[in-house]
Structures are given as structure tokens and as C-alpha cells.
PDB file of N, CA and C in Angstrom:
ATOM      1  N   UNK A   1       0.844  -1.163   0.000  1.00  0.00           N
ATOM      2  CA  UNK A   1       0.000   0.000   0.000  1.00  0.00           C
ATOM      3  C   UNK A   1       0.900   1.240   0.000  1.00  0.00           C
ATOM      4  N   UNK A   2       0.474   2.251  -0.723  1.00  0.00           N
ATOM      5  CA  UNK A   2       1.215   3.505  -0.780  1.00  0.00           C
ATOM      6  C   UNK A   2       0.488   4.589   0.003  1.00  0.00           C
ATOM      7  N   UNK A   3       1.260   5.391   0.712  1.00  0.00           N
ATOM      8  CA  UNK A   3       0.764   6.594   1.364  1.00  0.00           C
ATOM      9  C   UNK A   3       1.712   7.725   0.978  1.00  0.00           C
ATOM     10  N   UNK A   4       1.349   8.935   1.355  1.00  0.00           N
ATOM     11  CA  UNK A   4       2.163  10.091   0.969  1.00  0.00           C
ATOM     12  C   UNK A   4       2.530  10.888   2.214  1.00  0.00           C
ATOM     13  N   UNK A   5       3.777  11.383   2.236  1.00  0.00           N
ATOM     14  CA  UNK A   5       4.231  12.245   3.324  1.00  0.00           C
ATOM     15  C   UNK A   5       3.652  13.630   3.098  1.00  0.00           C
ATOM     16  N   UNK A   6       3.032  14.221   4.117  1.00  0.00           N
ATOM     17  CA  UNK A   6       2.346  15.507   3.966  1.00  0.00           C
ATOM     18  C   UNK A   6       3.274  16.648   3.572  1.00  0.00           C
ATOM     19  N   UNK A   7       4.451  16.717   4.156  1.00  0.00           N
ATOM     20  CA  UNK A   7       5.315  17.880   3.953  1.00  0.00           C
ATOM     21  C   UNK A   7       5.995  17.909   2.586  1.00  0.00           C
ATOM     22  N   UNK A   8       6.599  16.793   2.192  1.00  0.00           N
ATOM     23  CA  UNK A   8       7.349  16.808   0.926  1.00  0.00           C
ATOM     24  C   UNK A   8       6.686  16.006  -0.191  1.00  0.00           C
ATOM     25  N   UNK A   9       5.504  15.446   0.074  1.00  0.00           N
ATOM     26  CA  UNK A   9       4.705  14.708  -0.915  1.00  0.00           C
ATOM     27  C   UNK A   9       5.425  13.487  -1.491  1.00  0.00           C
ATOM     28  N   UNK A  10       6.367  12.929  -0.739  1.00  0.00           N
ATOM     29  CA  UNK A  10       7.053  11.714  -1.146  1.00  0.00           C
ATOM     30  C   UNK A  10       6.125  10.521  -0.960  1.00  0.00           C
ATOM     31  N   UNK A  11       6.069   9.638  -1.944  1.00  0.00           N
ATOM     32  CA  UNK A  11       5.296   8.406  -1.797  1.00  0.00           C
ATOM     33  C   UNK A  11       6.077   7.431  -0.931  1.00  0.00           C
ATOM     34  N   UNK A  12       5.355   6.733  -0.062  1.00  0.00           N
ATOM     35  CA  UNK A  12       5.962   5.778   0.854  1.00  0.00           C
ATOM     36  C   UNK A  12       5.241   4.452   0.710  1.00  0.00           C
ATOM     37  N   UNK A  13       6.015   3.403   0.479  1.00  0.00           N
ATOM     38  CA  UNK A  13       5.454   2.054   0.396  1.00  0.00           C
ATOM     39  C   UNK A  13       5.445   1.465   1.803  1.00  0.00           C
ATOM     40  N   UNK A  14       4.264   1.166   2.308  1.00  0.00           N
ATOM     41  CA  UNK A  14       4.107   0.601   3.648  1.00  0.00           C
ATOM     42  C   UNK A  14       4.545  -0.856   3.600  1.00  0.00           C
ATOM     43  N   UNK A  15       5.446  -1.253   4.512  1.00  0.00           N
ATOM     44  CA  UNK A  15       5.935  -2.627   4.497  1.00  0.00           C
ATOM     45  C   UNK A  15       5.044  -3.575   5.295  1.00  0.00           C
ATOM     46  N   UNK A  16       4.288  -3.049   6.277  1.00  0.00           N
ATOM     47  CA  UNK A  16       3.389  -3.875   7.083  1.00  0.00           C
ATOM     48  C   UNK A  16       2.061  -3.138   7.251  1.00  0.00           C
ATOM     49  N   UNK A  17       1.051  -3.557   6.522  1.00  0.00           N
ATOM     50  CA  UNK A  17      -0.249  -2.891   6.557  1.00  0.00           C
ATOM     51  C   UNK A  17      -0.877  -2.957   7.944  1.00  0.00           C
ATOM     52  N   UNK A  18      -0.597  -4.009   8.710  1.00  0.00           N
ATOM     53  CA  UNK A  18      -1.146  -4.126  10.067  1.00  0.00           C
ATOM     54  C   UNK A  18      -0.705  -2.953  10.934  1.00  0.00           C
ATOM     55  N   UNK A  19       0.548  -2.516  10.791  1.00  0.00           N
ATOM     56  CA  UNK A  19       1.023  -1.346  11.544  1.00  0.00           C
ATOM     57  C   UNK A  19       0.219  -0.107  11.178  1.00  0.00           C
ATOM     58  N   UNK A  20      -0.114   0.023   9.912  1.00  0.00           N
ATOM     59  CA  UNK A  20      -0.834   1.200   9.434  1.00  0.00           C
ATOM     60  C   UNK A  20      -2.245   1.270  10.013  1.00  0.00           C
ATOM     61  N   UNK A  21      -2.931   0.147  10.095  1.00  0.00           N
ATOM     62  CA  UNK A  21      -4.322   0.168  10.555  1.00  0.00           C
ATOM     63  C   UNK A  21      -4.459   0.021  12.071  1.00  0.00           C
ATOM     64  N   UNK A  22      -3.372  -0.269  12.768  1.00  0.00           N
ATOM     65  CA  UNK A  22      -3.399  -0.415  14.226  1.00  0.00           C
ATOM     66  C   UNK A  22      -3.355   0.966  14.883  1.00  0.00           C
ATOM     67  N   UNK A  23      -4.435   1.396  15.552  1.00  0.00           N
ATOM     68  CA  UNK A  23      -4.452   2.737  16.138  1.00  0.00           C
ATOM     69  C   UNK A  23      -3.468   2.916  17.297  1.00  0.00           C
ATOM     70  N   UNK A  24      -2.944   1.832  17.849  1.00  0.00           N
ATOM     71  CA  UNK A  24      -1.986   1.932  18.950  1.00  0.00           C
ATOM     72  C   UNK A  24      -0.555   2.121  18.453  1.00  0.00           C
ATOM     73  N   UNK A  25      -0.327   1.963  17.171  1.00  0.00           N
ATOM     74  CA  UNK A  25       0.990   2.198  16.575  1.00  0.00           C
ATOM     75  C   UNK A  25       1.081   3.661  16.149  1.00  0.00           C
ATOM     76  N   UNK A  26       2.056   4.389  16.659  1.00  0.00           N
ATOM     77  CA  UNK A  26       2.222   5.806  16.307  1.00  0.00           C
ATOM     78  C   UNK A  26       3.064   5.987  15.046  1.00  0.00           C
ATOM     79  N   UNK A  27       3.811   4.944  14.678  1.00  0.00           N
ATOM     80  CA  UNK A  27       4.637   5.032  13.471  1.00  0.00           C
ATOM     81  C   UNK A  27       4.550   3.724  12.702  1.00  0.00           C
ATOM     82  N   UNK A  28       4.984   3.780  11.452  1.00  0.00           N
ATOM     83  CA  UNK A  28       4.981   2.597  10.587  1.00  0.00           C
ATOM     84  C   UNK A  28       6.356   2.443   9.949  1.00  0.00           C
ATOM     85  N   UNK A  29       6.635   1.259   9.461  1.00  0.00           N
ATOM     86  CA  UNK A  29       7.853   1.018   8.701  1.00  0.00           C
ATOM     87  C   UNK A  29       7.506   1.095   7.220  1.00  0.00           C
ATOM     88  N   UNK A  30       8.334   1.781   6.468  1.00  0.00           N
ATOM     89  CA  UNK A  30       8.075   1.917   5.044  1.00  0.00           C
ATOM     90  C   UNK A  30       9.320   2.316   4.283  1.00  0.00           C
ATOM     91  N   UNK A  31       9.166   2.369   2.971  1.00  0.00           N
ATOM     92  CA  UNK A  31      10.272   2.750   2.079  1.00  0.00           C
ATOM     93  C   UNK A  31       9.814   3.887   1.181  1.00  0.00           C
ATOM     94  N   UNK A  32      10.632   4.923   1.085  1.00  0.00           N
ATOM     95  CA  UNK A  32      10.334   6.006   0.157  1.00  0.00           C
ATOM     96  C   UNK A  32      10.443   5.482  -1.264  1.00  0.00           C
ATOM     97  N   UNK A  33       9.550   5.920  -2.120  1.00  0.00           N
ATOM     98  CA  UNK A  33       9.594   5.548  -3.534  1.00  0.00           C
ATOM     99  C   UNK A  33      10.343   6.664  -4.256  1.00  0.00           C
ATOM    100  N   UNK A  34      11.638   6.462  -4.428  1.00  0.00           N
ATOM    101  CA  UNK A  34      12.478   7.469  -5.072  1.00  0.00           C
ATOM    102  C   UNK A  34      13.326   6.780  -6.135  1.00  0.00           C
ATOM    103  N   UNK A  35      13.006   7.009  -7.376  1.00  0.00           N
ATOM    104  CA  UNK A  35      13.749   6.366  -8.456  1.00  0.00           C
ATOM    105  C   UNK A  35      13.420   4.892  -8.555  1.00  0.00           C
ATOM    106  N   UNK A  36      14.300   4.165  -9.211  1.00  0.00           N
ATOM    107  CA  UNK A  36      14.062   2.736  -9.415  1.00  0.00           C
ATOM    108  C   UNK A  36      14.738   1.869  -8.369  1.00  0.00           C
ATOM    109  N   UNK A  37      15.673   2.438  -7.606  1.00  0.00           N
ATOM    110  CA  UNK A  37      16.367   1.659  -6.590  1.00  0.00           C
ATOM    111  C   UNK A  37      15.488   1.502  -5.352  1.00  0.00           C
ATOM    112  N   UNK A  38      15.553   0.326  -4.739  1.00  0.00           N
ATOM    113  CA  UNK A  38      14.806   0.073  -3.512  1.00  0.00           C
ATOM    114  C   UNK A  38      15.493   0.828  -2.378  1.00  0.00           C
ATOM    115  N   UNK A  39      14.726   1.654  -1.695  1.00  0.00           N
ATOM    116  CA  UNK A  39      15.258   2.452  -0.596  1.00  0.00           C
ATOM    117  C   UNK A  39      15.225   1.642   0.701  1.00  0.00           C
ATOM    118  N   UNK A  40      16.078   1.991   1.662  1.00  0.00           N
ATOM    119  CA  UNK A  40      16.055   1.271   2.945  1.00  0.00           C
ATOM    120  C   UNK A  40      14.764   1.544   3.713  1.00  0.00           C
ATOM    121  N   UNK A  41      14.381   0.586   4.530  1.00  0.00           N
ATOM    122  CA  UNK A  41      13.197   0.734   5.369  1.00  0.00           C
ATOM    123  C   UNK A  41      13.508   1.717   6.490  1.00  0.00           C
ATOM    124  N   UNK A  42      12.544   2.583   6.781  1.00  0.00           N
ATOM    125  CA  UNK A  42      12.692   3.518   7.890  1.00  0.00           C
ATOM    126  C   UNK A  42      11.335   3.758   8.531  1.00  0.00           C
ATOM    127  N   UNK A  43      11.343   4.374   9.704  1.00  0.00           N
ATOM    128  CA  UNK A  43      10.104   4.655  10.438  1.00  0.00           C
ATOM    129  C   UNK A  43       9.526   5.995   9.999  1.00  0.00           C
ATOM    130  N   UNK A  44       8.193   6.045   9.903  1.00  0.00           N
ATOM    131  CA  UNK A  44       7.466   7.271   9.574  1.00  0.00           C
ATOM    132  C   UNK A  44       6.345   7.441  10.589  1.00  0.00           C
ATOM    133  N   UNK A  45       6.197   8.633  11.130  1.00  0.00           N
ATOM    134  CA  UNK A  45       5.098   8.935  12.046  1.00  0.00           C
ATOM    135  C   UNK A  45       3.786   8.940  11.270  1.00  0.00           C
ATOM    136  N   UNK A  46       2.782   8.251  11.789  1.00  0.00           N
ATOM    137  CA  UNK A  46       1.488   8.209  11.096  1.00  0.00           C
ATOM    138  C   UNK A  46       0.843   9.586  11.001  1.00  0.00           C
ATOM    139  N   UNK A  47       1.141  10.455  11.950  1.00  0.00           N
ATOM    140  CA  UNK A  47       0.542  11.795  11.941  1.00  0.00           C
ATOM    141  C   UNK A  47       1.010  12.631  10.754  1.00  0.00           C
ATOM    142  N   UNK A  48       2.091  12.205  10.080  1.00  0.00           N
ATOM    143  CA  UNK A  48       2.613  12.955   8.930  1.00  0.00           C
ATOM    144  C   UNK A  48       2.204  12.337   7.600  1.00  0.00           C
ATOM    145  N   UNK A  49       1.349  11.307   7.631  1.00  0.00           N
ATOM    146  CA  UNK A  49       0.998  10.578   6.414  1.00  0.00           C
ATOM    147  C   UNK A  49      -0.441  10.841   5.987  1.00  0.00           C
ATOM    148  N   UNK A  50      -0.650  10.837   4.682  1.00  0.00           N
ATOM    149  CA  UNK A  50      -1.979  10.955   4.076  1.00  0.00           C
ATOM    150  C   UNK A  50      -2.046   9.961   2.922  1.00  0.00           C
ATOM    151  N   UNK A  51      -3.225   9.780   2.358  1.00  0.00           N
ATOM    152  CA  UNK A  51      -3.352   8.958   1.161  1.00  0.00           C
ATOM    153  C   UNK A  51      -2.805   9.733  -0.035  1.00  0.00           C
ATOM    154  N   UNK A  52      -2.372   9.044  -1.084  1.00  0.00           N
ATOM    155  CA  UNK A  52      -1.873   9.742  -2.278  1.00  0.00           C
ATOM    156  C   UNK A  52      -2.880  10.730  -2.872  1.00  0.00           C
ATOM    157  N   UNK A  53      -4.168  10.506  -2.644  1.00  0.00           N
ATOM    158  CA  UNK A  53      -5.204  11.410  -3.158  1.00  0.00           C
ATOM    159  C   UNK A  53      -5.292  12.704  -2.350  1.00  0.00           C
ATOM    160  N   UNK A  54      -4.604  12.756  -1.205  1.00  0.00           N
ATOM    161  CA  UNK A  54      -4.640  13.937  -0.355  1.00  0.00           C
ATOM    162  C   UNK A  54      -5.567  13.804   0.838  1.00  0.00           C
ATOM    163  N   UNK A  55      -6.313  12.704   0.908  1.00  0.00           N
ATOM    164  CA  UNK A  55      -7.229  12.489   2.030  1.00  0.00           C
ATOM    165  C   UNK A  55      -6.449  12.041   3.266  1.00  0.00           C
ATOM    166  N   UNK A  56      -6.915  12.432   4.459  1.00  0.00           N
ATOM    167  CA  UNK A  56      -6.243  11.984   5.685  1.00  0.00           C
ATOM    168  C   UNK A  56      -6.495  10.498   5.934  1.00  0.00           C
ATOM    169  N   UNK A  57      -5.641   9.900   6.757  1.00  0.00           N
ATOM    170  CA  UNK A  57      -5.871   8.516   7.169  1.00  0.00           C
ATOM    171  C   UNK A  57      -7.123   8.480   8.049  1.00  0.00           C
ATOM    172  N   UNK A  58      -7.880   7.387   8.019  1.00  0.00           N
ATOM    173  CA  UNK A  58      -9.083   7.295   8.853  1.00  0.00           C
ATOM    174  C   UNK A  58      -8.736   7.424  10.335  1.00  0.00           C
ATOM    175  N   UNK A  59      -9.606   8.050  11.080  1.00  0.00           N
ATOM    176  CA  UNK A  59      -9.381   8.252  12.507  1.00  0.00           C
ATOM    177  C   UNK A  59      -9.236   6.921  13.245  1.00  0.00           C
ATOM    178  N   UNK A  60      -9.933   5.889  12.789  1.00  0.00           N
ATOM    179  CA  UNK A  60      -9.851   4.583  13.450  1.00  0.00           C
ATOM    180  C   UNK A  60      -8.472   3.938  13.282  1.00  0.00           C
ATOM    181  N   UNK A  61      -7.637   4.468  12.393  1.00  0.00           N
ATOM    182  CA  UNK A  61      -6.266   3.981  12.215  1.00  0.00           C
ATOM    183  C   UNK A  61      -5.273   4.763  13.065  1.00  0.00           C
ATOM    184  N   UNK A  62      -5.674   5.923  13.565  1.00  0.00           N
ATOM    185  CA  UNK A  62      -4.724   6.804  14.242  1.00  0.00           C
ATOM    186  C   UNK A  62      -5.082   7.124  15.690  1.00  0.00           C
ATOM    187  N   UNK A  63      -6.328   6.944  16.090  1.00  0.00           N
ATOM    188  CA  UNK A  63      -6.779   7.317  17.429  1.00  0.00           C
ATOM    189  C   UNK A  63      -7.295   6.091  18.173  1.00  0.00           C
ATOM    190  N   UNK A  64      -6.565   5.617  19.196  1.00  0.00           N
ATOM    191  CA  UNK A  64      -7.007   4.424  19.927  1.00  0.00           C
ATOM    192  C   UNK A  64      -8.349   4.603  20.631  1.00  0.00           C
ATOM    193  N   UNK A  65      -8.764   5.841  20.862  1.00  0.00           N
ATOM    194  CA  UNK A  65     -10.017   6.095  21.570  1.00  0.00           C
ATOM    195  C   UNK A  65     -11.095   6.652  20.645  1.00  0.00           C
ATOM    196  N   UNK A  66     -11.014   6.370  19.363  1.00  0.00           N
ATOM    197  CA  UNK A  66     -11.957   6.951  18.408  1.00  0.00           C
ATOM    198  C   UNK A  66     -13.408   6.564  18.687  1.00  0.00           C
ATOM    199  N   UNK A  67     -13.655   5.385  19.243  1.00  0.00           N
ATOM    200  CA  UNK A  67     -15.029   4.959  19.501  1.00  0.00           C
ATOM    201  C   UNK A  67     -15.640   5.659  20.705  1.00  0.00           C
ATOM    202  N   UNK A  68     -14.820   6.170  21.601  1.00  0.00           N
ATOM    203  CA  UNK A  68     -15.353   6.829  22.794  1.00  0.00           C
ATOM    204  C   UNK A  68     -15.569   8.323  22.581  1.00  0.00           C
ATOM    205  N   UNK A  69     -15.189   8.844  21.424  1.00  0.00           N
ATOM    206  CA  UNK A  69     -15.375  10.277  21.134  1.00  0.00           C
ATOM    207  C   UNK A  69     -16.720  10.539  20.520  1.00  0.00           C
TER     208      UNK A  69
END
């Protein structure tokens, strides 16, 4: 799955989708999509990520208490 970094609009390939949808995880492991070479895996804060279309990530993926709000 691809997401986009809000500040520099870099595409990021998520290496573990479970991390992305787990609201208790504050960061995910992913690789920047830059050129044709495979980039090293690094951590990205979920609060800085959006979908490639520009939409925010669903609240149920980022807020552990979303059901109580």
C-alpha cells in the first residue's frame, strides 16, 4: 500500500499494513519511492501521512479512543 508524506509529498510504500491500521501504533515502517532503486526501510510517524489522493488517514487507524469520542 502507498501513502504520501504531507510535507514533501514523497510516496511511501508501507511494508506492514497491520502497523498502518493499528491505532496503537504511532509510526509505521516503510520505504520512500524514489527512483528505481529500492530504498532502505525507515520509520514514519502516522501523523505525517496521508493517502496519495490527499485524504487523511481514517481516525480509526490513528486514534485508539476513536469509539469513545
